[in-house]
Structures are given as structure tokens and as C-alpha cells.
PDB file of N, CA and C in Angstrom:
ATOM      1  N   UNK A   1     -86.110 -34.488  -5.000  1.00  0.00           N
ATOM      2  CA  UNK A   1     -85.424 -34.354  -6.271  1.00  0.00           C
ATOM      3  C   UNK A   1     -83.905 -34.279  -6.084  1.00  0.00           C
ATOM      4  N   UNK A   2     -83.493 -33.602  -5.019  1.00  0.00           N
ATOM      5  CA  UNK A   2     -82.058 -33.476  -4.759  1.00  0.00           C
ATOM      6  C   UNK A   2     -81.458 -34.836  -4.423  1.00  0.00           C
ATOM      7  N   UNK A   3     -82.151 -35.599  -3.602  1.00  0.00           N
ATOM      8  CA  UNK A   3     -81.644 -36.927  -3.232  1.00  0.00           C
ATOM      9  C   UNK A   3     -81.524 -37.816  -4.465  1.00  0.00           C
ATOM     10  N   UNK A   4     -82.523 -37.779  -5.324  1.00  0.00           N
ATOM     11  CA  UNK A   4     -82.473 -38.572  -6.562  1.00  0.00           C
ATOM     12  C   UNK A   4     -81.255 -38.168  -7.385  1.00  0.00           C
ATOM     13  N   UNK A   5     -81.005 -36.869  -7.474  1.00  0.00           N
ATOM     14  CA  UNK A   5     -79.840 -36.391  -8.228  1.00  0.00           C
ATOM     15  C   UNK A   5     -78.532 -36.850  -7.575  1.00  0.00           C
ATOM     16  N   UNK A   6     -78.465 -36.778  -6.245  1.00  0.00           N
ATOM     17  CA  UNK A   6     -77.243 -37.182  -5.541  1.00  0.00           C
ATOM     18  C   UNK A   6     -76.964 -38.674  -5.708  1.00  0.00           C
ATOM     19  N   UNK A   7     -78.012 -39.459  -5.895  1.00  0.00           N
ATOM     20  CA  UNK A   7     -77.830 -40.901  -6.076  1.00  0.00           C
ATOM     21  C   UNK A   7     -77.212 -41.252  -7.420  1.00  0.00           C
ATOM     22  N   UNK A   8     -76.988 -40.243  -8.275  1.00  0.00           N
ATOM     23  CA  UNK A   8     -76.308 -40.485  -9.556  1.00  0.00           C
ATOM     24  C   UNK A   8     -74.798 -40.295  -9.440  1.00  0.00           C
ATOM     25  N   UNK A   9     -74.342 -39.859  -8.269  1.00  0.00           N
ATOM     26  CA  UNK A   9     -72.907 -39.633  -8.042  1.00  0.00           C
ATOM     27  C   UNK A   9     -72.346 -40.813  -7.250  1.00  0.00           C
ATOM     28  N   UNK A  10     -71.367 -41.475  -7.812  1.00  0.00           N
ATOM     29  CA  UNK A  10     -70.798 -42.657  -7.173  1.00  0.00           C
ATOM     30  C   UNK A  10     -69.397 -42.377  -6.657  1.00  0.00           C
ATOM     31  N   UNK A  11     -69.089 -42.977  -5.533  1.00  0.00           N
ATOM     32  CA  UNK A  11     -67.737 -42.908  -5.004  1.00  0.00           C
ATOM     33  C   UNK A  11     -66.841 -43.640  -6.009  1.00  0.00           C
ATOM     34  N   UNK A  12     -65.731 -43.055  -6.405  1.00  0.00           N
ATOM     35  CA  UNK A  12     -64.881 -43.690  -7.423  1.00  0.00           C
ATOM     36  C   UNK A  12     -64.199 -44.970  -6.957  1.00  0.00           C
ATOM     37  N   UNK A  13     -64.074 -45.150  -5.650  1.00  0.00           N
ATOM     38  CA  UNK A  13     -63.379 -46.344  -5.150  1.00  0.00           C
ATOM     39  C   UNK A  13     -64.342 -47.449  -4.731  1.00  0.00           C
ATOM     40  N   UNK A  14     -65.601 -47.083  -4.476  1.00  0.00           N
ATOM     41  CA  UNK A  14     -66.604 -48.039  -4.023  1.00  0.00           C
ATOM     42  C   UNK A  14     -67.807 -47.903  -4.956  1.00  0.00           C
ATOM     43  N   UNK A  15     -68.310 -48.979  -5.527  1.00  0.00           N
ATOM     44  CA  UNK A  15     -69.418 -48.845  -6.480  1.00  0.00           C
ATOM     45  C   UNK A  15     -70.775 -48.589  -5.797  1.00  0.00           C
ATOM     46  N   UNK A  16     -70.823 -47.534  -4.988  1.00  0.00           N
ATOM     47  CA  UNK A  16     -72.029 -47.166  -4.247  1.00  0.00           C
ATOM     48  C   UNK A  16     -72.196 -45.659  -4.382  1.00  0.00           C
ATOM     49  N   UNK A  17     -73.456 -45.217  -4.535  1.00  0.00           N
ATOM     50  CA  UNK A  17     -73.660 -43.773  -4.651  1.00  0.00           C
ATOM     51  C   UNK A  17     -73.406 -43.093  -3.303  1.00  0.00           C
ATOM     52  N   UNK A  18     -73.099 -41.795  -3.364  1.00  0.00           N
ATOM     53  CA  UNK A  18     -72.680 -41.072  -2.159  1.00  0.00           C
ATOM     54  C   UNK A  18     -73.790 -40.933  -1.128  1.00  0.00           C
ATOM     55  N   UNK A  19     -75.046 -40.976  -1.565  1.00  0.00           N
ATOM     56  CA  UNK A  19     -76.153 -40.873  -0.604  1.00  0.00           C
ATOM     57  C   UNK A  19     -76.275 -42.168   0.195  1.00  0.00           C
ATOM     58  N   UNK A  20     -76.289 -43.303  -0.487  1.00  0.00           N
ATOM     59  CA  UNK A  20     -76.399 -44.605   0.207  1.00  0.00           C
ATOM     60  C   UNK A  20     -75.135 -44.903   1.001  1.00  0.00           C
ATOM     61  N   UNK A  21     -74.024 -44.340   0.578  1.00  0.00           N
ATOM     62  CA  UNK A  21     -72.763 -44.523   1.296  1.00  0.00           C
ATOM     63  C   UNK A  21     -72.762 -43.778   2.627  1.00  0.00           C
ATOM     64  N   UNK A  22     -73.667 -42.811   2.770  1.00  0.00           N
ATOM     65  CA  UNK A  22     -73.767 -42.064   4.010  1.00  0.00           C
ATOM     66  C   UNK A  22     -72.905 -40.813   4.050  1.00  0.00           C
ATOM     67  N   UNK A  23     -72.487 -40.341   2.884  1.00  0.00           N
ATOM     68  CA  UNK A  23     -71.636 -39.150   2.838  1.00  0.00           C
ATOM     69  C   UNK A  23     -72.431 -37.849   2.956  1.00  0.00           C
ATOM     70  N   UNK A  24     -73.732 -37.912   2.738  1.00  0.00           N
ATOM     71  CA  UNK A  24     -74.573 -36.714   2.835  1.00  0.00           C
ATOM     72  C   UNK A  24     -75.159 -36.654   4.230  1.00  0.00           C
ATOM     73  N   UNK A  25     -74.782 -35.636   4.979  1.00  0.00           N
ATOM     74  CA  UNK A  25     -75.263 -35.488   6.353  1.00  0.00           C
ATOM     75  C   UNK A  25     -76.548 -34.688   6.446  1.00  0.00           C
ATOM     76  N   UNK A  26     -76.696 -33.667   5.584  1.00  0.00           N
ATOM     77  CA  UNK A  26     -77.884 -32.826   5.678  1.00  0.00           C
ATOM     78  C   UNK A  26     -78.092 -32.102   4.349  1.00  0.00           C
ATOM     79  N   UNK A  27     -79.361 -31.896   4.016  1.00  0.00           N
ATOM     80  CA  UNK A  27     -79.744 -31.110   2.853  1.00  0.00           C
ATOM     81  C   UNK A  27     -80.810 -30.140   3.314  1.00  0.00           C
ATOM     82  N   UNK A  28     -80.605 -28.864   3.060  1.00  0.00           N
ATOM     83  CA  UNK A  28     -81.640 -27.881   3.380  1.00  0.00           C
ATOM     84  C   UNK A  28     -81.854 -26.979   2.176  1.00  0.00           C
ATOM     85  N   UNK A  29     -83.112 -26.580   2.003  1.00  0.00           N
ATOM     86  CA  UNK A  29     -83.464 -25.723   0.886  1.00  0.00           C
ATOM     87  C   UNK A  29     -84.285 -24.560   1.426  1.00  0.00           C
ATOM     88  N   UNK A  30     -83.858 -23.365   1.098  1.00  0.00           N
ATOM     89  CA  UNK A  30     -84.610 -22.159   1.431  1.00  0.00           C
ATOM     90  C   UNK A  30     -84.841 -21.439   0.117  1.00  0.00           C
ATOM     91  N   UNK A  31     -86.120 -21.324  -0.231  1.00  0.00           N
ATOM     92  CA  UNK A  31     -86.523 -20.774  -1.534  1.00  0.00           C
ATOM     93  C   UNK A  31     -85.874 -21.599  -2.633  1.00  0.00           C
ATOM     94  N   UNK A  32     -84.953 -21.049  -3.369  1.00  0.00           N
ATOM     95  CA  UNK A  32     -84.306 -21.786  -4.449  1.00  0.00           C
ATOM     96  C   UNK A  32     -82.812 -22.018  -4.195  1.00  0.00           C
ATOM     97  N   UNK A  33     -82.418 -21.876  -2.921  1.00  0.00           N
ATOM     98  CA  UNK A  33     -81.031 -22.091  -2.521  1.00  0.00           C
ATOM     99  C   UNK A  33     -80.898 -23.383  -1.726  1.00  0.00           C
ATOM    100  N   UNK A  34     -79.947 -24.217  -2.096  1.00  0.00           N
ATOM    101  CA  UNK A  34     -79.726 -25.488  -1.401  1.00  0.00           C
ATOM    102  C   UNK A  34     -78.382 -25.464  -0.691  1.00  0.00           C
ATOM    103  N   UNK A  35     -78.370 -26.070   0.489  1.00  0.00           N
ATOM    104  CA  UNK A  35     -77.141 -26.265   1.243  1.00  0.00           C
ATOM    105  C   UNK A  35     -77.007 -27.750   1.526  1.00  0.00           C
ATOM    106  N   UNK A  36     -75.879 -28.317   1.143  1.00  0.00           N
ATOM    107  CA  UNK A  36     -75.611 -29.728   1.382  1.00  0.00           C
ATOM    108  C   UNK A  36     -74.403 -29.817   2.304  1.00  0.00           C
ATOM    109  N   UNK A  37     -74.589 -30.506   3.415  1.00  0.00           N
ATOM    110  CA  UNK A  37     -73.478 -30.766   4.324  1.00  0.00           C
ATOM    111  C   UNK A  37     -73.090 -32.220   4.114  1.00  0.00           C
ATOM    112  N   UNK A  38     -71.820 -32.413   3.793  1.00  0.00           N
ATOM    113  CA  UNK A  38     -71.366 -33.763   3.458  1.00  0.00           C
ATOM    114  C   UNK A  38     -69.980 -34.020   4.025  1.00  0.00           C
ATOM    115  N   UNK A  39     -69.585 -35.272   3.932  1.00  0.00           N
ATOM    116  CA  UNK A  39     -68.255 -35.676   4.362  1.00  0.00           C
ATOM    117  C   UNK A  39     -67.629 -36.528   3.280  1.00  0.00           C
ATOM    118  N   UNK A  40     -66.456 -37.009   3.529  1.00  0.00           N
ATOM    119  CA  UNK A  40     -65.764 -37.945   2.656  1.00  0.00           C
ATOM    120  C   UNK A  40     -65.410 -39.174   3.490  1.00  0.00           C
ATOM    121  N   UNK A  41     -65.071 -40.258   2.832  1.00  0.00           N
ATOM    122  CA  UNK A  41     -64.726 -41.470   3.574  1.00  0.00           C
ATOM    123  C   UNK A  41     -63.483 -41.274   4.422  1.00  0.00           C
ATOM    124  N   UNK A  42     -62.609 -40.346   3.994  1.00  0.00           N
ATOM    125  CA  UNK A  42     -61.439 -39.979   4.797  1.00  0.00           C
ATOM    126  C   UNK A  42     -60.970 -38.595   4.360  1.00  0.00           C
ATOM    127  N   UNK A  43     -60.288 -37.871   5.240  1.00  0.00           N
ATOM    128  CA  UNK A  43     -59.770 -36.555   4.850  1.00  0.00           C
ATOM    129  C   UNK A  43     -58.773 -36.622   3.692  1.00  0.00           C
ATOM    130  N   UNK A  44     -58.146 -37.768   3.507  1.00  0.00           N
ATOM    131  CA  UNK A  44     -57.159 -37.940   2.442  1.00  0.00           C
ATOM    132  C   UNK A  44     -57.758 -38.551   1.173  1.00  0.00           C
ATOM    133  N   UNK A  45     -59.068 -38.514   1.065  1.00  0.00           N
ATOM    134  CA  UNK A  45     -59.772 -39.074  -0.082  1.00  0.00           C
ATOM    135  C   UNK A  45     -59.226 -38.455  -1.374  1.00  0.00           C
ATOM    136  N   UNK A  46     -58.944 -39.273  -2.394  1.00  0.00           N
ATOM    137  CA  UNK A  46     -58.368 -38.749  -3.623  1.00  0.00           C
ATOM    138  C   UNK A  46     -59.286 -37.776  -4.387  1.00  0.00           C
ATOM    139  N   UNK A  47     -60.583 -37.788  -4.092  1.00  0.00           N
ATOM    140  CA  UNK A  47     -61.509 -36.878  -4.768  1.00  0.00           C
ATOM    141  C   UNK A  47     -61.961 -35.742  -3.854  1.00  0.00           C
ATOM    142  N   UNK A  48     -61.154 -35.436  -2.842  1.00  0.00           N
ATOM    143  CA  UNK A  48     -61.513 -34.388  -1.873  1.00  0.00           C
ATOM    144  C   UNK A  48     -61.763 -33.041  -2.537  1.00  0.00           C
ATOM    145  N   UNK A  49     -61.063 -32.763  -3.613  1.00  0.00           N
ATOM    146  CA  UNK A  49     -61.249 -31.486  -4.317  1.00  0.00           C
ATOM    147  C   UNK A  49     -62.424 -31.548  -5.285  1.00  0.00           C
ATOM    148  N   UNK A  50     -62.553 -32.649  -6.007  1.00  0.00           N
ATOM    149  CA  UNK A  50     -63.536 -32.702  -7.088  1.00  0.00           C
ATOM    150  C   UNK A  50     -64.931 -33.137  -6.667  1.00  0.00           C
ATOM    151  N   UNK A  51     -65.057 -34.004  -5.681  1.00  0.00           N
ATOM    152  CA  UNK A  51     -66.383 -34.519  -5.321  1.00  0.00           C
ATOM    153  C   UNK A  51     -67.318 -33.433  -4.791  1.00  0.00           C
ATOM    154  N   UNK A  52     -66.902 -32.562  -3.886  1.00  0.00           N
ATOM    155  CA  UNK A  52     -67.813 -31.491  -3.461  1.00  0.00           C
ATOM    156  C   UNK A  52     -68.255 -30.592  -4.625  1.00  0.00           C
ATOM    157  N   UNK A  53     -67.372 -30.338  -5.572  1.00  0.00           N
ATOM    158  CA  UNK A  53     -67.745 -29.531  -6.736  1.00  0.00           C
ATOM    159  C   UNK A  53     -68.768 -30.274  -7.600  1.00  0.00           C
ATOM    160  N   UNK A  54     -68.601 -31.591  -7.737  1.00  0.00           N
ATOM    161  CA  UNK A  54     -69.560 -32.386  -8.495  1.00  0.00           C
ATOM    162  C   UNK A  54     -70.924 -32.384  -7.820  1.00  0.00           C
ATOM    163  N   UNK A  55     -70.932 -32.468  -6.482  1.00  0.00           N
ATOM    164  CA  UNK A  55     -72.188 -32.408  -5.726  1.00  0.00           C
ATOM    165  C   UNK A  55     -72.865 -31.055  -5.956  1.00  0.00           C
ATOM    166  N   UNK A  56     -72.106 -29.992  -5.863  1.00  0.00           N
ATOM    167  CA  UNK A  56     -72.673 -28.651  -6.065  1.00  0.00           C
ATOM    168  C   UNK A  56     -73.272 -28.519  -7.463  1.00  0.00           C
ATOM    169  N   UNK A  57     -72.544 -28.940  -8.461  1.00  0.00           N
ATOM    170  CA  UNK A  57     -73.017 -28.874  -9.847  1.00  0.00           C
ATOM    171  C   UNK A  57     -74.293 -29.696 -10.031  1.00  0.00           C
ATOM    172  N   UNK A  58     -74.313 -30.895  -9.464  1.00  0.00           N
ATOM    173  CA  UNK A  58     -75.469 -31.780  -9.601  1.00  0.00           C
ATOM    174  C   UNK A  58     -76.691 -31.191  -8.917  1.00  0.00           C
ATOM    175  N   UNK A  59     -76.518 -30.632  -7.731  1.00  0.00           N
ATOM    176  CA  UNK A  59     -77.641 -30.035  -7.004  1.00  0.00           C
ATOM    177  C   UNK A  59     -78.162 -28.808  -7.759  1.00  0.00           C
ATOM    178  N   UNK A  60     -77.270 -28.010  -8.317  1.00  0.00           N
ATOM    179  CA  UNK A  60     -77.690 -26.842  -9.099  1.00  0.00           C
ATOM    180  C   UNK A  60     -78.503 -27.244 -10.330  1.00  0.00           C
ATOM    181  N   UNK A  61     -78.290 -28.441 -10.818  1.00  0.00           N
ATOM    182  CA  UNK A  61     -79.000 -28.891 -12.012  1.00  0.00           C
ATOM    183  C   UNK A  61     -80.436 -29.338 -11.724  1.00  0.00           C
ATOM    184  N   UNK A  62     -80.791 -29.455 -10.446  1.00  0.00           N
ATOM    185  CA  UNK A  62     -82.137 -29.884 -10.058  1.00  0.00           C
ATOM    186  C   UNK A  62     -83.128 -28.749 -10.353  1.00  0.00           C
ATOM    187  N   UNK A  63     -84.234 -29.101 -10.970  1.00  0.00           N
ATOM    188  CA  UNK A  63     -85.263 -28.121 -11.298  1.00  0.00           C
ATOM    189  C   UNK A  63     -85.724 -27.395 -10.026  1.00  0.00           C
ATOM    190  N   UNK A  64     -85.706 -26.065 -10.078  1.00  0.00           N
ATOM    191  CA  UNK A  64     -86.149 -25.262  -8.948  1.00  0.00           C
ATOM    192  C   UNK A  64     -85.023 -24.801  -8.037  1.00  0.00           C
ATOM    193  N   UNK A  65     -83.821 -25.307  -8.261  1.00  0.00           N
ATOM    194  CA  UNK A  65     -82.663 -24.886  -7.461  1.00  0.00           C
ATOM    195  C   UNK A  65     -81.796 -23.972  -8.317  1.00  0.00           C
ATOM    196  N   UNK A  66     -81.596 -22.751  -7.847  1.00  0.00           N
ATOM    197  CA  UNK A  66     -80.766 -21.798  -8.589  1.00  0.00           C
ATOM    198  C   UNK A  66     -79.353 -21.712  -8.037  1.00  0.00           C
ATOM    199  N   UNK A  67     -79.217 -21.913  -6.741  1.00  0.00           N
ATOM    200  CA  UNK A  67     -77.907 -21.828  -6.114  1.00  0.00           C
ATOM    201  C   UNK A  67     -77.707 -23.028  -5.195  1.00  0.00           C
ATOM    202  N   UNK A  68     -76.488 -23.503  -5.144  1.00  0.00           N
ATOM    203  CA  UNK A  68     -76.162 -24.620  -4.266  1.00  0.00           C
ATOM    204  C   UNK A  68     -74.813 -24.369  -3.613  1.00  0.00           C
ATOM    205  N   UNK A  69     -74.740 -24.718  -2.359  1.00  0.00           N
ATOM    206  CA  UNK A  69     -73.485 -24.604  -1.615  1.00  0.00           C
ATOM    207  C   UNK A  69     -73.238 -25.942  -0.935  1.00  0.00           C
ATOM    208  N   UNK A  70     -72.000 -26.373  -0.943  1.00  0.00           N
ATOM    209  CA  UNK A  70     -71.615 -27.618  -0.293  1.00  0.00           C
ATOM    210  C   UNK A  70     -70.640 -27.284   0.817  1.00  0.00           C
ATOM    211  N   UNK A  71     -70.951 -27.768   2.010  1.00  0.00           N
ATOM    212  CA  UNK A  71     -70.028 -27.632   3.139  1.00  0.00           C
ATOM    213  C   UNK A  71     -69.483 -29.009   3.461  1.00  0.00           C
ATOM    214  N   UNK A  72     -68.173 -29.099   3.538  1.00  0.00           N
ATOM    215  CA  UNK A  72     -67.509 -30.348   3.859  1.00  0.00           C
ATOM    216  C   UNK A  72     -67.189 -30.365   5.351  1.00  0.00           C
ATOM    217  N   UNK A  73     -67.519 -31.477   5.996  1.00  0.00           N
ATOM    218  CA  UNK A  73     -67.238 -31.621   7.422  1.00  0.00           C
ATOM    219  C   UNK A  73     -66.695 -33.018   7.698  1.00  0.00           C
ATOM    220  N   UNK A  74     -65.953 -33.128   8.750  1.00  0.00           N
ATOM    221  CA  UNK A  74     -65.480 -34.446   9.199  1.00  0.00           C
ATOM    222  C   UNK A  74     -65.920 -34.701  10.636  1.00  0.00           C
ATOM    223  N   UNK A  75     -66.985 -34.002  11.022  1.00  0.00           N
ATOM    224  CA  UNK A  75     -67.542 -34.151  12.364  1.00  0.00           C
ATOM    225  C   UNK A  75     -69.026 -34.461  12.250  1.00  0.00           C
ATOM    226  N   UNK A  76     -69.433 -35.676  12.455  1.00  0.00           N
ATOM    227  CA  UNK A  76     -68.638 -36.824  12.893  1.00  0.00           C
ATOM    228  C   UNK A  76     -67.894 -37.452  11.712  1.00  0.00           C
ATOM    229  N   UNK A  77     -66.801 -38.122  12.001  1.00  0.00           N
ATOM    230  CA  UNK A  77     -66.081 -38.809  10.939  1.00  0.00           C
ATOM    231  C   UNK A  77     -66.933 -39.931  10.351  1.00  0.00           C
ATOM    232  N   UNK A  78     -66.811 -40.137   9.045  1.00  0.00           N
ATOM    233  CA  UNK A  78     -67.556 -41.201   8.383  1.00  0.00           C
ATOM    234  C   UNK A  78     -67.061 -42.555   8.848  1.00  0.00           C
ATOM    235  N   UNK A  79     -68.000 -43.499   8.965  1.00  0.00           N
ATOM    236  CA  UNK A  79     -67.635 -44.895   9.224  1.00  0.00           C
ATOM    237  C   UNK A  79     -68.636 -45.794   8.513  1.00  0.00           C
ATOM    238  N   UNK A  80     -68.345 -47.048   8.425  1.00  0.00           N
ATOM    239  CA  UNK A  80     -69.178 -48.003   7.675  1.00  0.00           C
ATOM    240  C   UNK A  80     -70.611 -48.111   8.208  1.00  0.00           C
ATOM    241  N   UNK A  81     -70.821 -47.778   9.469  1.00  0.00           N
ATOM    242  CA  UNK A  81     -72.168 -47.846  10.033  1.00  0.00           C
ATOM    243  C   UNK A  81     -73.104 -46.808   9.429  1.00  0.00           C
ATOM    244  N   UNK A  82     -72.565 -45.815   8.733  1.00  0.00           N
ATOM    245  CA  UNK A  82     -73.367 -44.764   8.117  1.00  0.00           C
ATOM    246  C   UNK A  82     -73.948 -45.204   6.778  1.00  0.00           C
ATOM    247  N   UNK A  83     -73.486 -46.323   6.271  1.00  0.00           N
ATOM    248  CA  UNK A  83     -73.987 -46.836   4.992  1.00  0.00           C
ATOM    249  C   UNK A  83     -75.400 -47.392   5.184  1.00  0.00           C
ATOM    250  N   UNK A  84     -76.220 -47.242   4.146  1.00  0.00           N
ATOM    251  CA  UNK A  84     -77.573 -47.778   4.192  1.00  0.00           C
ATOM    252  C   UNK A  84     -77.553 -49.291   4.032  1.00  0.00           C
ATOM    253  N   UNK A  85     -78.681 -49.922   4.274  1.00  0.00           N
ATOM    254  CA  UNK A  85     -78.790 -51.364   4.049  1.00  0.00           C
ATOM    255  C   UNK A  85     -78.515 -51.690   2.576  1.00  0.00           C
ATOM    256  N   UNK A  86     -79.005 -50.826   1.681  1.00  0.00           N
ATOM    257  CA  UNK A  86     -78.797 -51.022   0.243  1.00  0.00           C
ATOM    258  C   UNK A  86     -77.313 -51.036  -0.105  1.00  0.00           C
ATOM    259  N   UNK A  87     -76.552 -50.147   0.527  1.00  0.00           N
ATOM    260  CA  UNK A  87     -75.114 -50.064   0.254  1.00  0.00           C
ATOM    261  C   UNK A  87     -74.404 -51.318   0.723  1.00  0.00           C
TER     262      UNK A  87
END
């Protein structure tokens, strides 16, 4: 359910959702708490402030999830090889 929700968030510069783009590194759920580890296409991404908040809000909206936390990482740095075949 979380992945389906994340696929509704699109990178503003590339018409691809953030999951297929490879920005989501890990999703873990313990009870009703979700942790999403993600990256951005670059540290200077224009949505560096807003995109993680949008991810958190979207994950919190998933049925059965009461709390969501997003951790931003640049290790490993994102590259085009992380994109899915669909992207």
C-alpha cells in the first residue's frame, strides 16, 4: 500500500514517480509506524525541503499507518542506473 501511495508522487523536473525513479531506498513498517529512507536526484534539488515532507504526508495517509518518518540520505548517491525499466 505504501509503494502504491508513493507512486502518486512525481519528481517535478522529470515526469516519473519517485519510486520508479529510484529515490526510495528502503521502507520499513513496525506496527503502525513507517520509516522511509530516500534520496534526491542531487543534494541541490529544488524540492529538497518539500519532497520529503510530501512523502511523509503521503505515507501517513495510507490505511493502517499512524506515524511516518522520512530519512534523507545521499549514500549511495542517486544515479540513472537506479531507475526502473518502466522509468
